[in-house]
Amino acid sequence: MLLQRCIRNFQVAAALLALLVLGACAGSGPAKTVDTRARTASPTGGEPGETLVPAAALTLFEQAASAMASGDLLDAELRFKEFLLQYKGYPGAYVNLAIIHANNGDDAAASAAIDAALQIEPSHPAALNQLGMLLRRNGKFLEAEAAYLKAVTVSPDYALAHYNLGVLNELYLQRLDQALQHFEAYQAIVGNDEQVERWISDLTRRVAANQRTANVAE
């Protein structure tokens, strides 16, 4: 069961690769594609504002995102780094680098990229989600939960964070009620995910069985 969930988690994450927009709104939802507008942190660190993305920046980002989506992670990494040499203020590029580094098993580089994204936008949902994944891989389950919860607080319809909260609560924290709630939230956002629907059915039965057992014990 754990292996199945881990494989599925990678599949869901892979399906969302390179869908991050340039700025803080990258985490607004898993179906969001590269946009011509991006929210960027203000120079003074205040509230982010809408900024028109320069055409050259958009072109570079789209090239990197295309390489990432095609599975050429080495090319994507080089392109995102080239992008960031010229355009440092877009957290989505750092988040995509974090995903690439995590896929390569380089947690130190992934952590550095996540930190860079959160320095630009501390409430960036996709960066918080990646932080949660990194913390979970390192056995810091409660810290991972806090990062995921912050992501869905900032962006309630950020499906992948709900998915990861479902996995975390079911497999690592043994909280079936919470796992069910987050898988249902994920399903409501993305539509019909047949695998997750089966998990929801299984969890519904298990939660009901636990409740019946608790009632008998009383």
N, C-alpha and C. Protein backbone atom coordinates (compact mmCIF):
# COMPACT_ATOMS: atom_id res chain seq x y z
N MET A 1 0.84 -1.21 0.00
CA MET A 1 0.00 0.00 0.00
C MET A 1 0.87 1.25 0.00
N LEU A 2 1.90 1.27 0.85
CA LEU A 2 2.78 2.44 0.90
C LEU A 2 3.48 2.65 -0.43
N LEU A 3 3.99 1.57 -1.03
CA LEU A 3 4.67 1.69 -2.32
C LEU A 3 3.71 2.21 -3.37
N GLN A 4 2.47 1.70 -3.35
CA GLN A 4 1.47 2.15 -4.33
C GLN A 4 1.23 3.64 -4.21
N ARG A 5 1.08 4.12 -2.95
CA ARG A 5 0.84 5.54 -2.74
C ARG A 5 2.03 6.37 -3.20
N CYS A 6 3.25 5.89 -2.91
CA CYS A 6 4.45 6.64 -3.31
C CYS A 6 4.55 6.73 -4.82
N ILE A 7 4.28 5.63 -5.51
CA ILE A 7 4.31 5.64 -6.97
C ILE A 7 3.25 6.59 -7.50
N ARG A 8 2.06 6.52 -6.90
CA ARG A 8 0.97 7.38 -7.35
C ARG A 8 1.30 8.84 -7.10
N ASN A 9 1.94 9.11 -5.96
CA ASN A 9 2.32 10.49 -5.64
C ASN A 9 3.26 11.03 -6.69
N PHE A 10 4.22 10.22 -7.14
CA PHE A 10 5.13 10.65 -8.19
C PHE A 10 4.39 10.89 -9.49
N GLN A 11 3.41 10.01 -9.80
CA GLN A 11 2.66 10.16 -11.04
C GLN A 11 1.85 11.46 -11.04
N VAL A 12 1.22 11.77 -9.91
CA VAL A 12 0.44 13.00 -9.82
C VAL A 12 1.35 14.21 -9.96
N ALA A 13 2.49 14.17 -9.26
CA ALA A 13 3.43 15.30 -9.36
C ALA A 13 3.95 15.44 -10.77
N ALA A 14 4.26 14.33 -11.42
CA ALA A 14 4.79 14.38 -12.78
C ALA A 14 3.77 14.97 -13.74
N ALA A 15 2.50 14.68 -13.50
CA ALA A 15 1.45 15.20 -14.37
C ALA A 15 1.33 16.72 -14.26
N LEU A 16 1.83 17.28 -13.16
CA LEU A 16 1.71 18.71 -12.94
C LEU A 16 3.00 19.45 -13.23
N LEU A 17 4.04 18.75 -13.66
CA LEU A 17 5.32 19.41 -13.92
C LEU A 17 5.16 20.53 -14.94
N ALA A 18 5.86 21.62 -14.65
CA ALA A 18 5.95 22.74 -15.57
C ALA A 18 4.65 23.49 -15.77
N LEU A 19 3.66 23.24 -14.91
CA LEU A 19 2.41 23.98 -15.02
C LEU A 19 2.43 25.22 -14.13
N LEU A 20 3.57 25.52 -13.52
CA LEU A 20 3.66 26.68 -12.65
C LEU A 20 3.84 27.94 -13.50
N VAL A 21 3.08 28.99 -13.15
CA VAL A 21 3.29 30.25 -13.83
C VAL A 21 4.51 30.93 -13.25
N LEU A 22 4.89 32.05 -13.83
CA LEU A 22 6.16 32.67 -13.43
C LEU A 22 6.16 33.20 -12.02
N GLY A 23 5.05 33.65 -11.52
CA GLY A 23 5.08 34.34 -10.24
C GLY A 23 4.36 33.61 -9.14
N ALA A 24 3.90 34.34 -8.13
CA ALA A 24 3.32 33.73 -6.94
C ALA A 24 2.01 33.02 -7.24
N CYS A 25 1.31 33.39 -8.30
CA CYS A 25 0.07 32.72 -8.61
C CYS A 25 0.33 31.35 -9.20
N ALA A 26 1.57 30.92 -9.29
CA ALA A 26 1.88 29.58 -9.79
C ALA A 26 1.19 28.51 -9.00
N GLY A 27 0.92 28.74 -7.73
CA GLY A 27 0.31 27.72 -6.91
C GLY A 27 -1.19 27.79 -6.83
N SER A 28 -1.83 28.55 -7.68
CA SER A 28 -3.26 28.75 -7.54
C SER A 28 -4.07 27.53 -7.92
N GLY A 29 -3.51 26.59 -8.64
CA GLY A 29 -4.25 25.39 -8.97
C GLY A 29 -3.45 24.52 -9.92
N PRO A 30 -3.66 23.22 -9.88
CA PRO A 30 -2.83 22.33 -10.68
C PRO A 30 -3.08 22.41 -12.17
N ALA A 31 -4.21 22.95 -12.59
CA ALA A 31 -4.49 23.03 -14.02
C ALA A 31 -4.04 24.34 -14.62
N LYS A 32 -3.44 25.20 -13.82
CA LYS A 32 -3.02 26.52 -14.30
C LYS A 32 -1.80 26.38 -15.20
N THR A 33 -1.86 26.90 -16.38
CA THR A 33 -0.73 26.85 -17.28
C THR A 33 0.04 28.15 -17.25
N VAL A 34 1.15 28.18 -17.96
CA VAL A 34 1.95 29.40 -18.02
C VAL A 34 1.09 30.54 -18.52
N ASP A 35 1.12 31.65 -17.82
CA ASP A 35 0.26 32.78 -18.13
C ASP A 35 1.13 33.94 -18.62
N THR A 36 0.50 34.91 -19.23
CA THR A 36 1.23 36.09 -19.67
C THR A 36 1.31 37.15 -18.58
N ARG A 37 0.66 36.89 -17.45
CA ARG A 37 0.76 37.79 -16.32
C ARG A 37 1.24 37.00 -15.12
N ALA A 38 1.94 37.67 -14.20
CA ALA A 38 2.42 36.97 -13.01
C ALA A 38 2.42 37.91 -11.84
N ARG A 39 2.16 37.38 -10.69
CA ARG A 39 2.26 38.16 -9.46
C ARG A 39 3.67 38.04 -8.94
N THR A 40 4.28 39.14 -8.67
CA THR A 40 5.65 39.14 -8.16
C THR A 40 5.71 39.89 -6.85
N ALA A 41 6.61 39.46 -5.97
CA ALA A 41 6.76 40.17 -4.70
C ALA A 41 7.28 41.57 -4.97
N SER A 42 6.75 42.52 -4.23
CA SER A 42 7.19 43.89 -4.44
C SER A 42 8.63 44.06 -3.94
N PRO A 43 9.37 45.03 -4.46
CA PRO A 43 10.75 45.23 -4.03
C PRO A 43 10.89 45.48 -2.54
N THR A 44 9.83 46.04 -1.92
CA THR A 44 9.90 46.34 -0.49
C THR A 44 9.44 45.19 0.37
N GLY A 45 9.02 44.11 -0.25
CA GLY A 45 8.57 42.95 0.50
C GLY A 45 7.13 43.02 0.93
N GLY A 46 6.37 43.96 0.37
CA GLY A 46 4.97 44.10 0.73
C GLY A 46 4.11 43.13 -0.06
N GLU A 47 2.83 43.50 -0.18
CA GLU A 47 1.91 42.63 -0.90
C GLU A 47 2.30 42.53 -2.37
N PRO A 48 2.21 41.30 -2.95
CA PRO A 48 2.52 41.16 -4.37
C PRO A 48 1.50 41.86 -5.23
N GLY A 49 1.93 42.32 -6.40
CA GLY A 49 1.03 43.00 -7.31
C GLY A 49 1.11 42.39 -8.69
N GLU A 50 0.12 42.69 -9.51
CA GLU A 50 0.11 42.16 -10.87
C GLU A 50 1.15 42.86 -11.72
N THR A 51 1.97 42.08 -12.41
CA THR A 51 3.03 42.63 -13.25
C THR A 51 3.02 41.93 -14.59
N LEU A 52 3.08 42.69 -15.65
CA LEU A 52 3.15 42.11 -16.97
C LEU A 52 4.51 41.44 -17.16
N VAL A 53 4.48 40.17 -17.53
CA VAL A 53 5.73 39.44 -17.72
C VAL A 53 6.35 39.86 -19.05
N PRO A 54 7.61 40.24 -19.06
CA PRO A 54 8.26 40.60 -20.34
C PRO A 54 8.20 39.43 -21.31
N ALA A 55 8.03 39.77 -22.58
CA ALA A 55 7.91 38.72 -23.60
C ALA A 55 9.12 37.81 -23.62
N ALA A 56 10.31 38.38 -23.44
CA ALA A 56 11.53 37.56 -23.45
C ALA A 56 11.54 36.59 -22.29
N ALA A 57 11.07 37.04 -21.12
CA ALA A 57 11.02 36.16 -19.95
C ALA A 57 10.02 35.03 -20.18
N LEU A 58 8.88 35.37 -20.75
CA LEU A 58 7.87 34.35 -21.01
C LEU A 58 8.40 33.29 -21.97
N THR A 59 9.12 33.73 -23.00
CA THR A 59 9.68 32.78 -23.97
C THR A 59 10.66 31.84 -23.30
N LEU A 60 11.58 32.38 -22.50
CA LEU A 60 12.55 31.53 -21.81
C LEU A 60 11.86 30.55 -20.87
N PHE A 61 10.87 31.04 -20.14
CA PHE A 61 10.17 30.17 -19.20
C PHE A 61 9.43 29.06 -19.93
N GLU A 62 8.77 29.39 -21.01
CA GLU A 62 8.03 28.39 -21.77
C GLU A 62 8.96 27.33 -22.35
N GLN A 63 10.15 27.73 -22.78
CA GLN A 63 11.11 26.76 -23.29
C GLN A 63 11.55 25.80 -22.20
N ALA A 64 11.81 26.34 -21.00
CA ALA A 64 12.20 25.49 -19.88
C ALA A 64 11.06 24.57 -19.47
N ALA A 65 9.84 25.12 -19.43
CA ALA A 65 8.68 24.33 -19.05
C ALA A 65 8.42 23.22 -20.05
N SER A 66 8.62 23.51 -21.33
CA SER A 66 8.41 22.51 -22.37
C SER A 66 9.41 21.35 -22.21
N ALA A 67 10.67 21.69 -21.93
CA ALA A 67 11.67 20.65 -21.72
C ALA A 67 11.32 19.80 -20.50
N MET A 68 10.83 20.45 -19.46
CA MET A 68 10.45 19.74 -18.24
C MET A 68 9.28 18.80 -18.50
N ALA A 69 8.27 19.30 -19.20
CA ALA A 69 7.09 18.49 -19.49
C ALA A 69 7.43 17.29 -20.36
N SER A 70 8.44 17.43 -21.21
CA SER A 70 8.82 16.32 -22.09
C SER A 70 9.71 15.30 -21.38
N GLY A 71 10.11 15.61 -20.15
CA GLY A 71 10.94 14.68 -19.40
C GLY A 71 12.43 14.91 -19.52
N ASP A 72 12.84 15.94 -20.27
CA ASP A 72 14.27 16.25 -20.40
C ASP A 72 14.65 17.18 -19.25
N LEU A 73 14.86 16.60 -18.07
CA LEU A 73 15.07 17.40 -16.88
C LEU A 73 16.41 18.12 -16.87
N LEU A 74 17.41 17.54 -17.49
CA LEU A 74 18.71 18.21 -17.55
C LEU A 74 18.61 19.49 -18.36
N ASP A 75 17.98 19.41 -19.52
CA ASP A 75 17.79 20.61 -20.35
C ASP A 75 16.92 21.62 -19.62
N ALA A 76 15.86 21.13 -18.98
CA ALA A 76 14.97 22.02 -18.24
C ALA A 76 15.72 22.74 -17.12
N GLU A 77 16.55 22.00 -16.40
CA GLU A 77 17.32 22.62 -15.31
C GLU A 77 18.21 23.74 -15.83
N LEU A 78 18.91 23.47 -16.92
CA LEU A 78 19.79 24.48 -17.50
C LEU A 78 19.01 25.70 -17.96
N ARG A 79 17.84 25.47 -18.53
CA ARG A 79 17.04 26.58 -19.03
C ARG A 79 16.45 27.41 -17.89
N PHE A 80 16.00 26.75 -16.83
CA PHE A 80 15.49 27.51 -15.69
C PHE A 80 16.60 28.32 -15.02
N LYS A 81 17.80 27.75 -14.96
CA LYS A 81 18.92 28.50 -14.39
C LYS A 81 19.28 29.69 -15.26
N GLU A 82 19.23 29.51 -16.57
CA GLU A 82 19.47 30.62 -17.49
C GLU A 82 18.41 31.70 -17.29
N PHE A 83 17.16 31.26 -17.14
CA PHE A 83 16.07 32.20 -16.91
C PHE A 83 16.33 33.01 -15.64
N LEU A 84 16.74 32.33 -14.57
CA LEU A 84 16.91 33.01 -13.29
C LEU A 84 18.13 33.92 -13.26
N LEU A 85 19.07 33.70 -14.15
CA LEU A 85 20.19 34.63 -14.25
C LEU A 85 19.71 36.01 -14.71
N GLN A 86 18.63 36.00 -15.49
CA GLN A 86 18.12 37.26 -16.03
C GLN A 86 16.89 37.78 -15.28
N TYR A 87 16.09 36.85 -14.74
CA TYR A 87 14.84 37.22 -14.10
C TYR A 87 14.75 36.52 -12.75
N LYS A 88 15.23 37.17 -11.72
CA LYS A 88 15.36 36.53 -10.41
C LYS A 88 14.09 36.57 -9.57
N GLY A 89 13.11 37.36 -9.97
CA GLY A 89 11.97 37.63 -9.11
C GLY A 89 10.77 36.74 -9.27
N TYR A 90 10.92 35.59 -9.94
CA TYR A 90 9.78 34.73 -10.21
C TYR A 90 9.92 33.40 -9.48
N PRO A 91 9.16 33.19 -8.40
CA PRO A 91 9.33 31.99 -7.58
C PRO A 91 8.98 30.70 -8.30
N GLY A 92 8.09 30.76 -9.30
CA GLY A 92 7.72 29.54 -10.02
C GLY A 92 8.91 28.84 -10.65
N ALA A 93 9.89 29.61 -11.11
CA ALA A 93 11.08 28.99 -11.71
C ALA A 93 11.88 28.23 -10.65
N TYR A 94 11.98 28.80 -9.45
CA TYR A 94 12.68 28.11 -8.37
C TYR A 94 11.94 26.84 -7.96
N VAL A 95 10.61 26.89 -7.95
CA VAL A 95 9.83 25.71 -7.58
C VAL A 95 10.06 24.59 -8.59
N ASN A 96 10.06 24.93 -9.86
CA ASN A 96 10.32 23.91 -10.87
C ASN A 96 11.73 23.32 -10.72
N LEU A 97 12.70 24.16 -10.38
CA LEU A 97 14.04 23.64 -10.10
C LEU A 97 14.02 22.70 -8.90
N ALA A 98 13.25 23.04 -7.88
CA ALA A 98 13.15 22.17 -6.71
C ALA A 98 12.58 20.81 -7.09
N ILE A 99 11.57 20.80 -7.96
CA ILE A 99 10.99 19.54 -8.42
C ILE A 99 12.04 18.72 -9.16
N ILE A 100 12.80 19.37 -10.02
CA ILE A 100 13.85 18.68 -10.77
C ILE A 100 14.89 18.10 -9.82
N HIS A 101 15.36 18.90 -8.86
CA HIS A 101 16.38 18.43 -7.93
C HIS A 101 15.84 17.26 -7.09
N ALA A 102 14.60 17.37 -6.64
CA ALA A 102 14.01 16.28 -5.85
C ALA A 102 13.93 15.00 -6.67
N ASN A 103 13.56 15.14 -7.95
CA ASN A 103 13.50 13.97 -8.83
C ASN A 103 14.87 13.33 -8.99
N ASN A 104 15.92 14.15 -8.93
CA ASN A 104 17.30 13.64 -9.04
C ASN A 104 17.86 13.17 -7.71
N GLY A 105 17.07 13.27 -6.64
CA GLY A 105 17.52 12.82 -5.33
C GLY A 105 18.45 13.78 -4.62
N ASP A 106 18.49 15.03 -5.07
CA ASP A 106 19.37 16.03 -4.47
C ASP A 106 18.54 16.92 -3.55
N ASP A 107 18.34 16.45 -2.31
CA ASP A 107 17.50 17.19 -1.38
C ASP A 107 18.11 18.53 -0.98
N ALA A 108 19.41 18.61 -0.92
CA ALA A 108 20.05 19.87 -0.54
C ALA A 108 19.76 20.95 -1.58
N ALA A 109 19.89 20.61 -2.85
CA ALA A 109 19.62 21.57 -3.91
C ALA A 109 18.13 21.90 -3.97
N ALA A 110 17.28 20.89 -3.74
CA ALA A 110 15.83 21.14 -3.71
C ALA A 110 15.48 22.10 -2.59
N SER A 111 16.07 21.90 -1.42
CA SER A 111 15.81 22.77 -0.29
C SER A 111 16.24 24.21 -0.58
N ALA A 112 17.40 24.37 -1.21
CA ALA A 112 17.89 25.71 -1.54
C ALA A 112 16.95 26.41 -2.52
N ALA A 113 16.43 25.66 -3.50
CA ALA A 113 15.51 26.25 -4.47
C ALA A 113 14.19 26.63 -3.81
N ILE A 114 13.69 25.79 -2.91
CA ILE A 114 12.46 26.11 -2.19
C ILE A 114 12.65 27.36 -1.34
N ASP A 115 13.78 27.43 -0.64
CA ASP A 115 14.07 28.60 0.18
C ASP A 115 14.08 29.88 -0.67
N ALA A 116 14.68 29.77 -1.86
CA ALA A 116 14.74 30.94 -2.75
C ALA A 116 13.34 31.38 -3.16
N ALA A 117 12.48 30.42 -3.48
CA ALA A 117 11.10 30.76 -3.86
C ALA A 117 10.36 31.42 -2.71
N LEU A 118 10.52 30.88 -1.49
CA LEU A 118 9.80 31.41 -0.34
C LEU A 118 10.36 32.75 0.12
N GLN A 119 11.61 33.02 -0.19
CA GLN A 119 12.15 34.35 0.10
C GLN A 119 11.47 35.40 -0.76
N ILE A 120 11.14 35.03 -1.99
CA ILE A 120 10.45 35.96 -2.89
C ILE A 120 8.99 36.09 -2.48
N GLU A 121 8.34 34.96 -2.22
CA GLU A 121 6.92 34.96 -1.85
C GLU A 121 6.70 33.93 -0.74
N PRO A 122 6.70 34.35 0.52
CA PRO A 122 6.61 33.42 1.65
C PRO A 122 5.36 32.55 1.66
N SER A 123 4.31 32.98 0.99
CA SER A 123 3.06 32.21 0.97
C SER A 123 2.81 31.56 -0.38
N HIS A 124 3.85 31.28 -1.11
CA HIS A 124 3.73 30.66 -2.43
C HIS A 124 3.27 29.21 -2.26
N PRO A 125 2.03 28.85 -2.67
CA PRO A 125 1.49 27.52 -2.39
C PRO A 125 2.32 26.37 -2.96
N ALA A 126 2.79 26.51 -4.20
CA ALA A 126 3.56 25.42 -4.80
C ALA A 126 4.89 25.21 -4.09
N ALA A 127 5.52 26.31 -3.65
CA ALA A 127 6.77 26.18 -2.89
C ALA A 127 6.51 25.53 -1.54
N LEU A 128 5.40 25.90 -0.89
CA LEU A 128 5.05 25.28 0.39
C LEU A 128 4.76 23.79 0.21
N ASN A 129 4.12 23.45 -0.89
CA ASN A 129 3.86 22.04 -1.16
C ASN A 129 5.16 21.26 -1.35
N GLN A 130 6.09 21.83 -2.10
CA GLN A 130 7.39 21.17 -2.28
C GLN A 130 8.14 21.06 -0.95
N LEU A 131 8.02 22.09 -0.11
CA LEU A 131 8.63 22.03 1.22
C LEU A 131 8.04 20.88 2.02
N GLY A 132 6.73 20.72 1.96
CA GLY A 132 6.09 19.61 2.65
C GLY A 132 6.58 18.26 2.16
N MET A 133 6.75 18.12 0.85
CA MET A 133 7.24 16.86 0.30
C MET A 133 8.66 16.56 0.76
N LEU A 134 9.49 17.61 0.80
CA LEU A 134 10.87 17.44 1.26
C LEU A 134 10.90 17.02 2.73
N LEU A 135 10.10 17.69 3.55
CA LEU A 135 10.05 17.36 4.97
C LEU A 135 9.54 15.95 5.20
N ARG A 136 8.54 15.55 4.44
CA ARG A 136 8.01 14.19 4.59
C ARG A 136 9.05 13.14 4.23
N ARG A 137 9.78 13.39 3.16
CA ARG A 137 10.82 12.42 2.77
C ARG A 137 11.88 12.26 3.86
N ASN A 138 12.05 13.30 4.65
CA ASN A 138 13.05 13.26 5.71
C ASN A 138 12.45 12.91 7.07
N GLY A 139 11.23 12.39 7.07
CA GLY A 139 10.61 11.89 8.28
C GLY A 139 10.05 12.95 9.20
N LYS A 140 9.96 14.19 8.74
CA LYS A 140 9.44 15.28 9.57
C LYS A 140 7.97 15.49 9.23
N PHE A 141 7.15 14.57 9.73
CA PHE A 141 5.77 14.49 9.28
C PHE A 141 4.91 15.66 9.75
N LEU A 142 5.07 16.09 10.99
CA LEU A 142 4.27 17.20 11.48
C LEU A 142 4.67 18.51 10.82
N GLU A 143 5.97 18.67 10.58
CA GLU A 143 6.42 19.87 9.86
C GLU A 143 5.91 19.86 8.43
N ALA A 144 5.88 18.67 7.81
CA ALA A 144 5.34 18.55 6.46
C ALA A 144 3.86 18.92 6.45
N GLU A 145 3.13 18.43 7.45
CA GLU A 145 1.71 18.76 7.54
C GLU A 145 1.50 20.27 7.63
N ALA A 146 2.32 20.94 8.44
CA ALA A 146 2.19 22.38 8.59
C ALA A 146 2.41 23.11 7.27
N ALA A 147 3.39 22.66 6.48
CA ALA A 147 3.65 23.28 5.18
C ALA A 147 2.49 23.06 4.22
N TYR A 148 1.97 21.83 4.15
CA TYR A 148 0.83 21.55 3.28
C TYR A 148 -0.39 22.36 3.69
N LEU A 149 -0.64 22.42 5.01
CA LEU A 149 -1.81 23.15 5.49
C LEU A 149 -1.71 24.64 5.17
N LYS A 150 -0.50 25.18 5.25
CA LYS A 150 -0.33 26.58 4.88
C LYS A 150 -0.62 26.77 3.39
N ALA A 151 -0.21 25.81 2.58
CA ALA A 151 -0.47 25.89 1.14
C ALA A 151 -1.96 25.92 0.85
N VAL A 152 -2.75 25.04 1.50
CA VAL A 152 -4.18 25.01 1.21
C VAL A 152 -4.92 26.15 1.91
N THR A 153 -4.31 26.73 2.93
CA THR A 153 -4.90 27.92 3.55
C THR A 153 -4.77 29.11 2.61
N VAL A 154 -3.58 29.23 2.02
CA VAL A 154 -3.34 30.31 1.07
C VAL A 154 -4.16 30.10 -0.20
N SER A 155 -4.21 28.87 -0.67
CA SER A 155 -4.91 28.54 -1.92
C SER A 155 -5.74 27.28 -1.71
N PRO A 156 -6.99 27.41 -1.26
CA PRO A 156 -7.81 26.24 -0.91
C PRO A 156 -8.02 25.25 -2.05
N ASP A 157 -7.90 25.71 -3.30
CA ASP A 157 -8.11 24.80 -4.42
C ASP A 157 -6.80 24.30 -5.02
N TYR A 158 -5.72 24.34 -4.23
CA TYR A 158 -4.45 23.79 -4.70
C TYR A 158 -4.49 22.28 -4.48
N ALA A 159 -4.83 21.55 -5.54
CA ALA A 159 -5.20 20.13 -5.43
C ALA A 159 -4.06 19.26 -4.91
N LEU A 160 -2.84 19.49 -5.38
CA LEU A 160 -1.75 18.60 -5.04
C LEU A 160 -1.44 18.63 -3.54
N ALA A 161 -1.61 19.78 -2.90
CA ALA A 161 -1.38 19.84 -1.45
C ALA A 161 -2.45 19.04 -0.71
N HIS A 162 -3.68 19.10 -1.19
CA HIS A 162 -4.72 18.25 -0.59
C HIS A 162 -4.38 16.77 -0.77
N TYR A 163 -3.92 16.43 -1.96
CA TYR A 163 -3.53 15.04 -2.22
C TYR A 163 -2.44 14.61 -1.25
N ASN A 164 -1.42 15.44 -1.10
CA ASN A 164 -0.31 15.09 -0.22
C ASN A 164 -0.73 15.02 1.24
N LEU A 165 -1.69 15.88 1.64
CA LEU A 165 -2.23 15.79 2.99
C LEU A 165 -2.99 14.48 3.18
N GLY A 166 -3.67 14.02 2.15
CA GLY A 166 -4.35 12.73 2.23
C GLY A 166 -3.36 11.60 2.44
N VAL A 167 -2.30 11.59 1.64
CA VAL A 167 -1.27 10.56 1.77
C VAL A 167 -0.62 10.62 3.15
N LEU A 168 -0.26 11.81 3.58
CA LEU A 168 0.42 11.98 4.86
C LEU A 168 -0.45 11.49 6.02
N ASN A 169 -1.72 11.89 6.00
CA ASN A 169 -2.61 11.51 7.09
C ASN A 169 -2.93 10.02 7.10
N GLU A 170 -3.07 9.43 5.94
CA GLU A 170 -3.41 8.00 5.91
C GLU A 170 -2.21 7.13 6.26
N LEU A 171 -1.09 7.37 5.60
CA LEU A 171 0.03 6.43 5.70
C LEU A 171 1.00 6.73 6.83
N TYR A 172 1.15 7.99 7.17
CA TYR A 172 2.20 8.35 8.12
C TYR A 172 1.65 8.78 9.48
N LEU A 173 0.49 9.46 9.49
CA LEU A 173 -0.06 9.95 10.75
C LEU A 173 -1.25 9.11 11.23
N GLN A 174 -1.70 8.18 10.38
CA GLN A 174 -2.80 7.28 10.74
C GLN A 174 -4.06 8.03 11.16
N ARG A 175 -4.36 9.10 10.45
CA ARG A 175 -5.58 9.87 10.70
C ARG A 175 -6.50 9.67 9.50
N LEU A 176 -7.32 8.65 9.58
CA LEU A 176 -8.12 8.28 8.42
C LEU A 176 -9.18 9.33 8.09
N ASP A 177 -9.79 9.93 9.13
CA ASP A 177 -10.80 10.95 8.88
C ASP A 177 -10.23 12.11 8.06
N GLN A 178 -9.06 12.61 8.51
CA GLN A 178 -8.44 13.74 7.81
C GLN A 178 -7.99 13.35 6.41
N ALA A 179 -7.47 12.13 6.28
CA ALA A 179 -7.05 11.66 4.95
C ALA A 179 -8.23 11.67 4.00
N LEU A 180 -9.36 11.15 4.47
CA LEU A 180 -10.56 11.10 3.63
C LEU A 180 -10.99 12.50 3.22
N GLN A 181 -10.97 13.44 4.15
CA GLN A 181 -11.38 14.80 3.84
C GLN A 181 -10.51 15.42 2.75
N HIS A 182 -9.21 15.20 2.84
CA HIS A 182 -8.32 15.83 1.86
C HIS A 182 -8.38 15.12 0.50
N PHE A 183 -8.54 13.81 0.49
CA PHE A 183 -8.71 13.14 -0.79
C PHE A 183 -10.02 13.58 -1.46
N GLU A 184 -11.06 13.78 -0.66
CA GLU A 184 -12.32 14.26 -1.23
C GLU A 184 -12.16 15.69 -1.76
N ALA A 185 -11.40 16.53 -1.04
CA ALA A 185 -11.15 17.88 -1.54
C ALA A 185 -10.38 17.84 -2.84
N TYR A 186 -9.37 16.98 -2.91
CA TYR A 186 -8.59 16.82 -4.15
C TYR A 186 -9.51 16.40 -5.30
N GLN A 187 -10.35 15.41 -5.04
CA GLN A 187 -11.23 14.90 -6.08
C GLN A 187 -12.21 15.95 -6.55
N ALA A 188 -12.70 16.76 -5.62
CA ALA A 188 -13.65 17.81 -5.99
C ALA A 188 -13.00 18.84 -6.90
N ILE A 189 -11.70 19.05 -6.75
CA ILE A 189 -10.99 20.05 -7.55
C ILE A 189 -10.63 19.51 -8.93
N VAL A 190 -10.07 18.29 -8.99
CA VAL A 190 -9.54 17.78 -10.25
C VAL A 190 -10.57 17.04 -11.08
N GLY A 191 -11.67 16.63 -10.45
CA GLY A 191 -12.65 15.85 -11.19
C GLY A 191 -12.51 14.37 -10.91
N ASN A 192 -12.63 13.56 -11.93
CA ASN A 192 -12.68 12.12 -11.75
C ASN A 192 -11.30 11.49 -11.85
N ASP A 193 -10.65 11.28 -10.71
CA ASP A 193 -9.42 10.51 -10.63
C ASP A 193 -9.81 9.13 -10.11
N GLU A 194 -9.78 8.14 -10.99
CA GLU A 194 -10.32 6.83 -10.64
C GLU A 194 -9.56 6.17 -9.50
N GLN A 195 -8.23 6.34 -9.47
CA GLN A 195 -7.44 5.74 -8.40
C GLN A 195 -7.80 6.36 -7.05
N VAL A 196 -7.88 7.68 -7.01
CA VAL A 196 -8.22 8.35 -5.76
C VAL A 196 -9.65 8.02 -5.36
N GLU A 197 -10.53 7.87 -6.32
CA GLU A 197 -11.91 7.49 -6.01
C GLU A 197 -11.95 6.13 -5.30
N ARG A 198 -11.10 5.20 -5.72
CA ARG A 198 -11.05 3.90 -5.05
C ARG A 198 -10.52 4.06 -3.63
N TRP A 199 -9.52 4.93 -3.46
CA TRP A 199 -9.00 5.18 -2.12
C TRP A 199 -10.07 5.79 -1.22
N ILE A 200 -10.86 6.70 -1.78
CA ILE A 200 -11.94 7.32 -1.00
C ILE A 200 -12.95 6.26 -0.55
N SER A 201 -13.31 5.37 -1.44
CA SER A 201 -14.25 4.31 -1.09
C SER A 201 -13.67 3.42 0.02
N ASP A 202 -12.40 3.09 -0.10
CA ASP A 202 -11.74 2.25 0.91
C ASP A 202 -11.69 2.97 2.26
N LEU A 203 -11.31 4.24 2.24
CA LEU A 203 -11.22 4.99 3.48
C LEU A 203 -12.60 5.19 4.11
N THR A 204 -13.63 5.39 3.29
CA THR A 204 -14.98 5.55 3.82
C THR A 204 -15.39 4.30 4.59
N ARG A 205 -15.10 3.13 4.04
CA ARG A 205 -15.41 1.86 4.73
C ARG A 205 -14.62 1.73 6.03
N ARG A 206 -13.34 2.08 5.97
CA ARG A 206 -12.50 1.94 7.16
C ARG A 206 -12.90 2.91 8.26
N VAL A 207 -13.22 4.13 7.88
CA VAL A 207 -13.67 5.12 8.88
C VAL A 207 -14.97 4.66 9.52
N ALA A 208 -15.91 4.15 8.71
CA ALA A 208 -17.18 3.66 9.24
C ALA A 208 -16.96 2.47 10.17
N ALA A 209 -16.05 1.57 9.80
CA ALA A 209 -15.76 0.41 10.64
C ALA A 209 -15.16 0.84 11.96
N ASN A 210 -14.27 1.80 11.91
CA ASN A 210 -13.66 2.31 13.16
C ASN A 210 -14.72 2.94 14.05
N GLN A 211 -15.66 3.67 13.43
CA GLN A 211 -16.71 4.30 14.22
C GLN A 211 -17.61 3.25 14.87
N ARG A 212 -17.93 2.18 14.12
CA ARG A 212 -18.74 1.11 14.70
C ARG A 212 -18.03 0.45 15.86
N THR A 213 -16.73 0.24 15.72
CA THR A 213 -15.94 -0.36 16.79
C THR A 213 -15.94 0.55 18.02
N ALA A 214 -15.79 1.85 17.79
CA ALA A 214 -15.78 2.80 18.89
C ALA A 214 -17.14 2.82 19.61
N ASN A 215 -18.22 2.72 18.84
CA ASN A 215 -19.55 2.73 19.44
C ASN A 215 -19.78 1.49 20.30
N VAL A 216 -19.29 0.34 19.82
CA VAL A 216 -19.43 -0.90 20.60
C VAL A 216 -18.64 -0.80 21.89
N ALA A 217 -17.44 -0.22 21.80
CA ALA A 217 -16.59 -0.10 22.97
C ALA A 217 -17.22 0.78 24.03
N GLU A 218 -18.03 1.74 23.62
CA GLU A 218 -18.68 2.63 24.57
C GLU A 218 -19.82 1.91 25.29
